[in-house]
Amino acid sequence: MSLKRRNFIGLTAATVATGMFSGLSSCKAKADKMEDAGGLKPMTGEVVPISKSEREGRIAKAQRLLAENKMDALVIESGTALNYFTGITWGPSERTMAVIIPAKGDAKYICPGFEEARLREQVTIGTEVYAWQEDESPYQLIAKVIKDAGISFGNVAIEERVRFFIADGIRKAAPDLNYVSGDPVTIPCRIIKSSAEIKLMQTATDITLAAIKYGASQLKEGMSQGELASIITKAQNDLGGSADFALCLFGKSSAYPHGSKQPQQLQQGDIVLMDCGCLVEGYCSDVTRTIVFGEASKRQQEIWSLEKEAQAAGFAAAKLKAPCEAVDAAARKVITDAGFGPGYKLPGLPHRTGHGIGMDVHEWGNMVKGNTQLLEPGMCFSIEPTISIVGEFGVRFEDCVYMTEEGPKWFSSPSKSINEPFIA
């Protein structure tokens, strides 16, 4: 998380802190100059949003899968799936807004009456909008729309993120229908990314990696984790992304994959772990880099190199038609062979080796033991085998890949060495 291969001139936290490496000093000077010049420049000039025709193709695929699975309609509410199929962005509230995709026919929208005009502004797929008023039941209206589509009996699929009160309201309003999971429809659609989706994820990744690199150039003794997170968040926005998260961990807190509540101030010799992501046109990045502020100890160098070996093993195992679990097994073996673990035991790798990614930062297609789903072109996922040593530090590299007919390709090139974390 390859279409790009930007050459990042290497800079490390060590160079910033001590001037030990000339590459870092020059990078720091460049970063200062960029601030003086008015900040980082957007990297989104060539971004192309997902087209209407691609969304129509997604709905056509969903309708084919509905028919194959003997389902008559798919119900989706506000959230990622709504955006994926229709391009509509709609925040969830207590007022039901939904779209029904029948196995045959056009998409049909149900929304609060006072929101109808706002919804119609966004509708590009289908034209049928049904409005319910504040003293009316949206579920009765949904039941009527389904019946008017010729569906009186049969299976209605509910997308996985439809909230319970909505699904339950529909069930009570139309009790003669059989309600089933929409996963057999939505997962096969969303888990395989098109070239347009991959390009958007590539841009998001480029932005996040550049922002992390910039953040590394701004490290200073005594700063807090939150200060660094704010710098990287702003950099992702300045570079044209919509910052999603920036998890920055120093020293002992880096041993906890999602951090500790204990405040940390940066000290010489600390591990600095930066796990960050942004969105571009609704598509995510997720990149983690681990560096050392100052001079790395022998122990830090050894664990850093072991992590690099584990990540490389996971990538080598990501072959077409290999099961997802093979990626986890290969990366985990490197770590356990070095005396850590076994399994999820600490010190070692306490979580899965990777997760799917797309419009949500965590999607289907986890690289985890027991997932026998086969890798195929268009699947995108992270490879991030953390090594966590509680009481000392943690090291994580996270780079995402996309599967092609020739095998996996990196969205971001892995770090070269502990002193060259941003050089391919």
Protein backbone atom coordinates (compact mmCIF):
# COMPACT_ATOMS: atom_id res chain seq x y z
CA MET A 1 0.00 0.00 0.00
CA SER A 2 4.00 -0.80 -9.22
CA LEU A 3 2.58 1.95 -10.97
CA LYS A 4 4.93 4.56 -9.58
CA ARG A 5 8.54 4.46 -8.66
CA ARG A 6 9.35 7.83 -7.20
CA ASN A 7 12.96 8.22 -6.10
CA PHE A 8 12.92 9.43 -2.54
CA ILE A 9 16.34 10.84 -1.73
CA GLY A 10 17.03 9.22 1.58
CA LEU A 11 16.78 10.82 4.89
CA THR A 12 16.62 9.28 8.28
CA ALA A 13 15.82 10.52 11.72
CA ALA A 14 19.41 9.85 12.65
CA THR A 15 20.66 12.36 10.12
CA VAL A 16 18.20 14.97 11.28
CA ALA A 17 19.19 14.48 14.90
CA THR A 18 22.94 14.14 14.65
CA GLY A 19 24.01 15.15 11.16
CA MET A 20 25.73 11.77 10.88
CA PHE A 21 24.44 11.25 7.34
CA SER A 22 24.75 13.99 4.73
CA GLY A 23 21.63 12.80 2.90
CA LEU A 24 19.49 13.56 5.95
CA SER A 25 20.97 16.98 6.49
CA SER A 26 20.23 17.95 2.91
CA CYS A 27 16.70 16.56 3.25
CA LYS A 28 16.12 18.61 6.37
CA ALA A 29 17.30 21.73 4.55
CA LYS A 30 14.94 20.94 1.66
CA ALA A 31 12.06 20.46 4.09
CA ASP A 32 12.78 23.83 5.71
CA LYS A 33 12.92 25.45 2.30
CA MET A 34 9.56 23.91 1.37
CA GLU A 35 8.03 25.40 4.53
CA ASP A 36 9.53 28.79 3.72
CA ALA A 37 8.15 28.54 0.19
CA GLY A 38 4.62 28.13 1.49
CA GLY A 39 4.36 24.43 2.31
CA LEU A 40 4.10 21.10 0.55
CA LYS A 41 2.58 21.03 -2.92
CA PRO A 42 -0.39 18.83 -3.92
CA MET A 43 0.39 15.58 -5.72
CA THR A 44 -3.13 15.07 -7.09
CA GLY A 45 -2.94 16.98 -10.36
CA GLU A 46 -3.44 13.86 -12.50
CA VAL A 47 -6.11 12.19 -10.36
CA VAL A 48 -9.08 10.81 -12.30
CA PRO A 49 -12.22 10.00 -10.24
CA ILE A 50 -14.10 6.75 -10.73
CA SER A 51 -16.32 7.15 -13.80
CA LYS A 52 -20.07 6.69 -14.04
CA SER A 53 -19.55 3.86 -16.52
CA GLU A 54 -17.35 1.98 -14.04
CA ARG A 55 -20.03 2.31 -11.35
CA GLU A 56 -22.64 1.05 -13.81
CA GLY A 57 -20.38 -1.93 -14.43
CA ARG A 58 -20.21 -2.58 -10.69
CA ILE A 59 -24.00 -2.64 -10.45
CA ALA A 60 -24.19 -4.96 -13.45
CA LYS A 61 -21.74 -7.33 -11.73
CA ALA A 62 -23.75 -7.14 -8.50
CA GLN A 63 -26.93 -8.00 -10.42
CA ARG A 64 -25.21 -10.96 -12.06
CA LEU A 65 -24.05 -12.19 -8.64
CA LEU A 66 -27.54 -11.69 -7.22
CA ALA A 67 -28.95 -13.94 -9.92
CA GLU A 68 -26.22 -16.55 -9.47
CA ASN A 69 -26.88 -16.66 -5.72
CA LYS A 70 -30.68 -16.78 -6.17
CA MET A 71 -31.15 -13.39 -4.54
CA ASP A 72 -33.74 -10.89 -5.72
CA ALA A 73 -32.36 -7.61 -4.41
CA LEU A 74 -29.55 -6.04 -2.41
CA VAL A 75 -30.22 -3.43 0.29
CA ILE A 76 -27.49 -0.89 1.07
CA GLU A 77 -27.58 2.13 3.37
CA SER A 78 -25.25 5.09 3.94
CA GLY A 79 -21.58 4.16 4.00
CA THR A 80 -18.77 2.85 1.83
CA ALA A 81 -20.86 0.41 -0.21
CA LEU A 82 -23.29 3.19 -1.16
CA ASN A 83 -20.37 5.26 -2.43
CA TYR A 84 -18.82 2.27 -4.20
CA PHE A 85 -21.90 1.42 -6.24
CA THR A 86 -23.51 4.83 -6.73
CA GLY A 87 -20.88 7.50 -6.04
CA ILE A 88 -23.12 9.01 -3.34
CA THR A 89 -21.57 10.13 -0.07
CA TRP A 90 -24.12 10.17 2.74
CA GLY A 91 -23.54 10.33 6.46
CA PRO A 92 -25.41 7.82 8.63
CA SER A 93 -28.08 9.14 10.98
CA GLU A 94 -31.25 7.93 12.67
CA ARG A 95 -33.15 8.83 9.48
CA THR A 96 -32.99 5.91 7.07
CA MET A 97 -31.50 6.49 3.64
CA ALA A 98 -31.08 3.38 1.51
CA VAL A 99 -30.63 2.12 -2.03
CA ILE A 100 -32.16 -1.07 -3.37
CA ILE A 101 -30.38 -2.80 -6.23
CA PRO A 102 -32.78 -5.37 -7.72
CA ALA A 103 -31.49 -8.35 -9.66
CA LYS A 104 -33.24 -6.79 -12.64
CA GLY A 105 -33.93 -3.12 -13.20
CA ASP A 106 -32.55 0.20 -11.99
CA ALA A 107 -31.33 1.17 -8.54
CA LYS A 108 -34.03 2.71 -6.33
CA TYR A 109 -33.38 5.24 -3.57
CA ILE A 110 -35.31 5.82 -0.34
CA CYS A 111 -34.62 8.97 1.69
CA PRO A 112 -36.15 11.46 4.16
CA GLY A 113 -38.53 13.84 2.39
CA PHE A 114 -36.66 16.99 3.35
CA GLU A 115 -33.43 15.46 1.95
CA GLU A 116 -34.86 14.53 -1.44
CA ALA A 117 -33.46 17.53 -3.31
CA ARG A 118 -29.99 17.01 -1.82
CA LEU A 119 -30.06 13.34 -2.76
CA ARG A 120 -31.17 14.05 -6.31
CA GLU A 121 -28.16 16.33 -6.72
CA GLN A 122 -25.93 13.30 -6.23
CA VAL A 123 -27.86 10.64 -8.14
CA THR A 124 -26.21 9.61 -11.40
CA ILE A 125 -27.09 5.89 -11.40
CA GLY A 126 -30.83 5.32 -11.86
CA THR A 127 -33.50 7.96 -11.39
CA GLU A 128 -36.12 6.56 -8.99
CA VAL A 129 -36.20 8.35 -5.63
CA TYR A 130 -38.86 7.62 -2.99
CA ALA A 131 -39.25 10.03 -0.08
CA TRP A 132 -40.76 9.37 3.33
CA GLN A 133 -42.01 12.09 5.67
CA GLU A 134 -41.17 12.50 9.34
CA ASP A 135 -44.43 10.89 10.52
CA GLU A 136 -44.12 7.94 8.10
CA SER A 137 -42.25 4.64 8.27
CA PRO A 138 -39.24 4.35 5.95
CA TYR A 139 -39.46 0.57 6.33
CA GLN A 140 -42.99 0.42 4.99
CA LEU A 141 -41.81 2.48 2.04
CA ILE A 142 -38.84 0.18 1.44
CA ALA A 143 -41.16 -2.83 1.61
CA LYS A 144 -43.46 -1.19 -0.97
CA VAL A 145 -40.55 -0.36 -3.30
CA ILE A 146 -39.35 -3.97 -3.13
CA LYS A 147 -42.86 -5.28 -3.82
CA ASP A 148 -43.34 -2.84 -6.70
CA ALA A 149 -40.13 -4.22 -8.20
CA GLY A 150 -41.96 -7.54 -8.50
CA ILE A 151 -40.42 -9.11 -5.38
CA SER A 152 -43.12 -10.53 -3.12
CA PHE A 153 -41.29 -13.67 -2.06
CA GLY A 154 -37.67 -14.76 -2.24
CA ASN A 155 -34.30 -13.70 -0.89
CA VAL A 156 -33.33 -10.12 -0.14
CA ALA A 157 -29.63 -9.57 0.57
CA ILE A 158 -28.60 -7.14 3.31
CA GLU A 159 -25.18 -5.50 2.92
CA GLU A 160 -23.04 -6.19 5.99
CA ARG A 161 -22.94 -2.62 7.31
CA VAL A 162 -26.67 -2.01 7.26
CA ARG A 163 -27.46 -1.17 10.87
CA PHE A 164 -29.67 -3.52 12.84
CA PHE A 165 -32.56 -1.10 13.36
CA ILE A 166 -32.87 -0.65 9.60
CA ALA A 167 -32.58 -4.35 8.75
CA ASP A 168 -35.03 -5.24 11.53
CA GLY A 169 -37.47 -2.53 10.41
CA ILE A 170 -37.48 -3.89 6.86
CA ARG A 171 -37.95 -7.45 8.10
CA LYS A 172 -40.99 -6.45 10.15
CA ALA A 173 -42.48 -4.43 7.30
CA ALA A 174 -42.03 -7.26 4.77
CA PRO A 175 -42.13 -10.51 6.79
CA ASP A 176 -42.78 -12.74 3.76
CA LEU A 177 -39.30 -12.13 2.38
CA ASN A 178 -36.24 -14.15 3.37
CA TYR A 179 -33.29 -12.00 4.46
CA VAL A 180 -29.75 -13.18 3.77
CA SER A 181 -26.21 -11.84 3.89
CA GLY A 182 -25.14 -9.68 0.97
CA ASP A 183 -21.51 -10.83 1.30
CA PRO A 184 -21.65 -13.20 -1.71
CA VAL A 185 -22.43 -10.12 -3.81
CA THR A 186 -20.54 -7.23 -2.27
CA ILE A 187 -17.28 -8.95 -1.37
CA PRO A 188 -16.54 -10.35 -4.87
CA CYS A 189 -17.31 -6.90 -6.28
CA ARG A 190 -15.15 -4.87 -3.93
CA ILE A 191 -12.23 -7.24 -3.32
CA ILE A 192 -11.09 -7.05 -6.96
CA LYS A 193 -9.84 -3.58 -7.83
CA SER A 194 -9.85 -2.05 -11.29
CA SER A 195 -6.90 -0.19 -12.78
CA ALA A 196 -8.68 3.09 -11.97
CA GLU A 197 -8.99 2.10 -8.31
CA ILE A 198 -5.36 1.02 -8.14
CA LYS A 199 -4.21 4.35 -9.59
CA LEU A 200 -6.12 6.23 -6.89
CA MET A 201 -4.62 4.02 -4.18
CA GLN A 202 -1.19 4.60 -5.71
CA THR A 203 -1.59 8.35 -5.46
CA ALA A 204 -2.80 8.05 -1.87
CA THR A 205 0.24 5.91 -1.05
CA ASP A 206 2.63 8.36 -2.70
CA ILE A 207 1.15 11.16 -0.59
CA THR A 208 1.37 9.24 2.67
CA LEU A 209 4.94 8.12 2.07
CA ALA A 210 5.98 11.68 1.21
CA ALA A 211 4.23 12.94 4.36
CA ILE A 212 5.98 10.36 6.56
CA LYS A 213 9.31 11.30 5.02
CA TYR A 214 8.57 14.95 5.73
CA GLY A 215 7.54 14.13 9.29
CA ALA A 216 10.84 12.30 9.83
CA SER A 217 12.68 15.44 8.77
CA GLN A 218 10.92 17.44 11.52
CA LEU A 219 11.84 15.24 14.49
CA LYS A 220 13.31 16.99 17.50
CA GLU A 221 14.16 15.91 21.00
CA GLY A 222 11.35 16.41 23.50
CA MET A 223 8.51 16.50 20.97
CA SER A 224 5.40 14.45 21.71
CA GLN A 225 3.89 11.68 19.64
CA GLY A 226 0.89 13.93 19.04
CA GLU A 227 3.07 16.71 17.67
CA LEU A 228 4.58 14.39 15.08
CA ALA A 229 1.12 13.00 14.22
CA SER A 230 -0.13 16.55 13.64
CA ILE A 231 2.80 17.33 11.34
CA ILE A 232 2.17 14.24 9.22
CA THR A 233 -1.59 14.78 9.19
CA LYS A 234 -1.13 18.33 7.90
CA ALA A 235 1.42 17.15 5.35
CA GLN A 236 -0.99 14.56 3.95
CA ASN A 237 -3.64 17.27 3.56
CA ASP A 238 -1.17 19.76 2.06
CA LEU A 239 -0.06 17.13 -0.45
CA GLY A 240 -3.63 16.76 -1.68
CA GLY A 241 -4.90 13.79 0.31
CA SER A 242 -7.62 13.68 2.91
CA ALA A 243 -5.71 12.61 6.01
CA ASP A 244 -7.29 9.55 7.61
CA PHE A 245 -4.93 8.72 10.46
CA ALA A 246 -1.38 9.21 11.72
CA LEU A 247 -0.33 6.90 14.54
CA CYS A 248 3.11 7.91 15.83
CA LEU A 249 4.81 5.93 18.58
CA PHE A 250 8.10 6.53 20.39
CA GLY A 251 10.34 4.19 22.34
CA LYS A 252 8.64 1.56 24.51
CA SER A 253 5.15 2.51 23.26
CA SER A 254 6.11 1.25 19.78
CA ALA A 255 5.85 -2.29 21.19
CA TYR A 256 2.07 -1.85 21.31
CA PRO A 257 0.77 -2.07 17.71
CA HIS A 258 -1.86 0.62 18.36
CA GLY A 259 0.04 2.52 21.02
CA SER A 260 -0.24 3.11 24.75
CA LYS A 261 -2.08 5.73 26.76
CA GLN A 262 1.20 6.70 28.42
CA PRO A 263 2.55 10.00 27.04
CA GLN A 264 5.95 9.85 25.37
CA GLN A 265 8.51 12.54 24.57
CA LEU A 266 11.14 11.80 21.95
CA GLN A 267 14.63 11.00 23.25
CA GLN A 268 17.91 10.16 21.57
CA GLY A 269 18.03 6.50 20.59
CA ASP A 270 14.23 6.06 20.53
CA ILE A 271 12.46 3.96 17.96
CA VAL A 272 10.01 6.12 15.98
CA LEU A 273 7.11 4.18 14.42
CA MET A 274 4.84 6.07 12.00
CA ASP A 275 1.67 4.30 10.75
CA CYS A 276 -0.29 6.68 8.53
CA GLY A 277 -2.91 6.84 5.80
CA CYS A 278 -5.02 9.19 3.71
CA LEU A 279 -7.77 9.03 1.09
CA VAL A 280 -7.82 10.17 -2.52
CA GLU A 281 -11.25 10.16 -4.16
CA GLY A 282 -12.39 7.75 -1.47
CA TYR A 283 -9.46 5.30 -1.78
CA CYS A 284 -7.05 4.55 1.06
CA SER A 285 -3.36 4.28 1.74
CA ASP A 286 -1.72 2.59 4.71
CA VAL A 287 2.05 2.87 5.19
CA THR A 288 4.24 2.27 8.24
CA ARG A 289 7.89 3.19 8.65
CA THR A 290 10.10 2.53 11.67
CA ILE A 291 13.28 4.54 12.17
CA VAL A 292 15.59 5.50 15.04
CA PHE A 293 16.05 9.02 16.37
CA GLY A 294 19.81 9.26 16.71
CA GLU A 295 22.14 6.28 16.48
CA ALA A 296 20.57 2.83 16.38
CA SER A 297 21.72 0.24 18.89
CA LYS A 298 22.88 -3.21 17.81
CA ARG A 299 19.62 -4.66 19.17
CA GLN A 300 17.51 -2.20 17.18
CA GLN A 301 19.48 -2.95 14.03
CA GLU A 302 19.03 -6.70 14.48
CA ILE A 303 15.27 -6.50 15.01
CA TRP A 304 14.88 -3.99 12.17
CA SER A 305 16.70 -6.37 9.80
CA LEU A 306 14.62 -9.33 11.01
CA GLU A 307 11.43 -7.38 10.30
CA LYS A 308 12.66 -6.59 6.80
CA GLU A 309 13.39 -10.27 6.20
CA ALA A 310 9.91 -11.24 7.44
CA GLN A 311 8.19 -8.71 5.19
CA ALA A 312 10.20 -9.89 2.19
CA ALA A 313 9.19 -13.50 2.93
CA GLY A 314 5.53 -12.49 3.00
CA PHE A 315 5.87 -10.77 -0.35
CA ALA A 316 7.63 -13.80 -1.88
CA ALA A 317 4.74 -16.02 -0.72
CA ALA A 318 2.10 -13.78 -2.35
CA LYS A 319 1.80 -15.82 -5.52
CA LEU A 320 -1.24 -16.07 -7.76
CA LYS A 321 -3.55 -18.87 -6.63
CA ALA A 322 -1.72 -19.15 -3.30
CA PRO A 323 -3.98 -18.95 -0.23
CA CYS A 324 -3.97 -15.72 1.74
CA GLU A 325 -2.76 -17.61 4.80
CA ALA A 326 0.50 -18.46 3.01
CA VAL A 327 1.61 -14.83 3.29
CA ASP A 328 1.12 -14.88 7.06
CA ALA A 329 2.81 -18.28 7.42
CA ALA A 330 5.91 -17.22 5.49
CA ALA A 331 6.42 -13.94 7.35
CA ARG A 332 5.67 -15.50 10.73
CA LYS A 333 8.14 -18.36 10.13
CA VAL A 334 11.03 -15.91 9.81
CA ILE A 335 10.13 -14.37 13.16
CA THR A 336 9.53 -17.66 15.01
CA ASP A 337 12.71 -19.20 13.56
CA ALA A 338 14.56 -16.31 15.20
CA GLY A 339 13.21 -17.43 18.60
CA PHE A 340 10.11 -15.24 18.93
CA GLY A 341 6.52 -16.38 19.46
CA PRO A 342 5.39 -18.96 18.59
CA GLY A 343 2.01 -18.06 17.17
CA TYR A 344 0.75 -14.74 18.52
CA LYS A 345 2.77 -15.00 21.73
CA LEU A 346 4.93 -12.03 22.75
CA PRO A 347 7.64 -11.13 22.14
CA GLY A 348 6.82 -11.75 18.50
CA LEU A 349 4.12 -11.03 15.93
CA PRO A 350 0.83 -10.53 17.83
CA HIS A 351 -1.56 -10.02 14.90
CA ARG A 352 -2.26 -11.10 11.31
CA THR A 353 0.41 -10.25 8.75
CA GLY A 354 -1.90 -8.17 6.57
CA HIS A 355 -5.37 -6.96 5.69
CA GLY A 356 -7.25 -6.13 2.52
CA ILE A 357 -7.48 -2.46 1.58
CA GLY A 358 -9.50 -0.31 -0.81
CA MET A 359 -12.18 2.24 0.01
CA ASP A 360 -11.90 1.10 3.62
CA VAL A 361 -8.46 0.84 5.15
CA HIS A 362 -9.36 -2.65 6.41
CA GLU A 363 -11.28 -4.78 3.92
CA TRP A 364 -11.73 -8.45 3.14
CA GLY A 365 -8.78 -10.62 2.18
CA ASN A 366 -6.83 -10.83 5.44
CA MET A 367 -3.39 -12.45 5.42
CA VAL A 368 -4.09 -14.68 8.40
CA LYS A 369 -3.97 -18.35 9.35
CA GLY A 370 -7.14 -20.12 8.23
CA ASN A 371 -7.95 -17.84 5.30
CA THR A 372 -7.77 -20.19 2.32
CA GLN A 373 -9.08 -17.64 -0.19
CA LEU A 374 -6.82 -17.72 -3.22
CA LEU A 375 -4.94 -14.65 -4.37
CA GLU A 376 -6.01 -13.32 -7.76
CA PRO A 377 -5.35 -10.25 -9.91
CA GLY A 378 -6.86 -7.07 -8.53
CA MET A 379 -6.65 -8.02 -4.85
CA CYS A 380 -4.91 -5.40 -2.68
CA PHE A 381 -3.54 -5.98 0.81
CA SER A 382 -0.90 -4.96 3.33
CA ILE A 383 2.18 -6.93 4.40
CA GLU A 384 3.05 -5.77 7.94
CA PRO A 385 4.59 -8.39 10.24
CA THR A 386 5.18 -6.37 13.43
CA ILE A 387 7.84 -7.53 15.86
CA SER A 388 6.67 -6.48 19.31
CA ILE A 389 9.00 -6.65 22.32
CA VAL A 390 7.10 -5.22 25.29
CA GLY A 391 9.37 -3.24 27.60
CA GLU A 392 11.81 -2.48 24.79
CA PHE A 393 10.30 -1.42 21.46
CA GLY A 394 8.44 -2.61 18.38
CA VAL A 395 9.32 -2.55 14.70
CA ARG A 396 6.77 -2.59 11.90
CA PHE A 397 7.07 -2.05 8.17
CA GLU A 398 3.79 -1.80 6.32
CA ASP A 399 3.64 -1.66 2.57
CA CYS A 400 0.65 -2.62 0.49
CA VAL A 401 0.63 -4.66 -2.70
CA TYR A 402 -1.74 -5.25 -5.58
CA MET A 403 -1.90 -8.55 -7.42
CA THR A 404 -1.31 -8.62 -11.18
CA GLU A 405 -1.18 -11.40 -13.77
CA GLU A 406 2.57 -11.48 -13.10
CA GLY A 407 2.24 -11.57 -9.33
CA PRO A 408 2.38 -8.96 -6.55
CA LYS A 409 3.51 -5.36 -7.08
CA TRP A 410 4.35 -2.92 -4.30
CA PHE A 411 2.39 0.31 -3.93
CA SER A 412 5.32 1.64 -1.87
CA SER A 413 8.85 0.31 -2.04
CA PRO A 414 10.01 -1.21 1.25
CA SER A 415 12.75 0.48 3.23
CA LYS A 416 16.27 -0.31 2.04
CA SER A 417 18.04 -0.11 5.38
CA ILE A 418 17.66 1.38 8.85
CA ASN A 419 19.62 4.41 7.65
CA GLU A 420 17.83 4.62 4.29
CA PRO A 421 14.14 4.09 5.12
CA PHE A 422 12.85 6.04 2.11
CA ILE A 423 15.11 4.72 -0.66
CA ALA A 424 13.80 1.97 -2.95
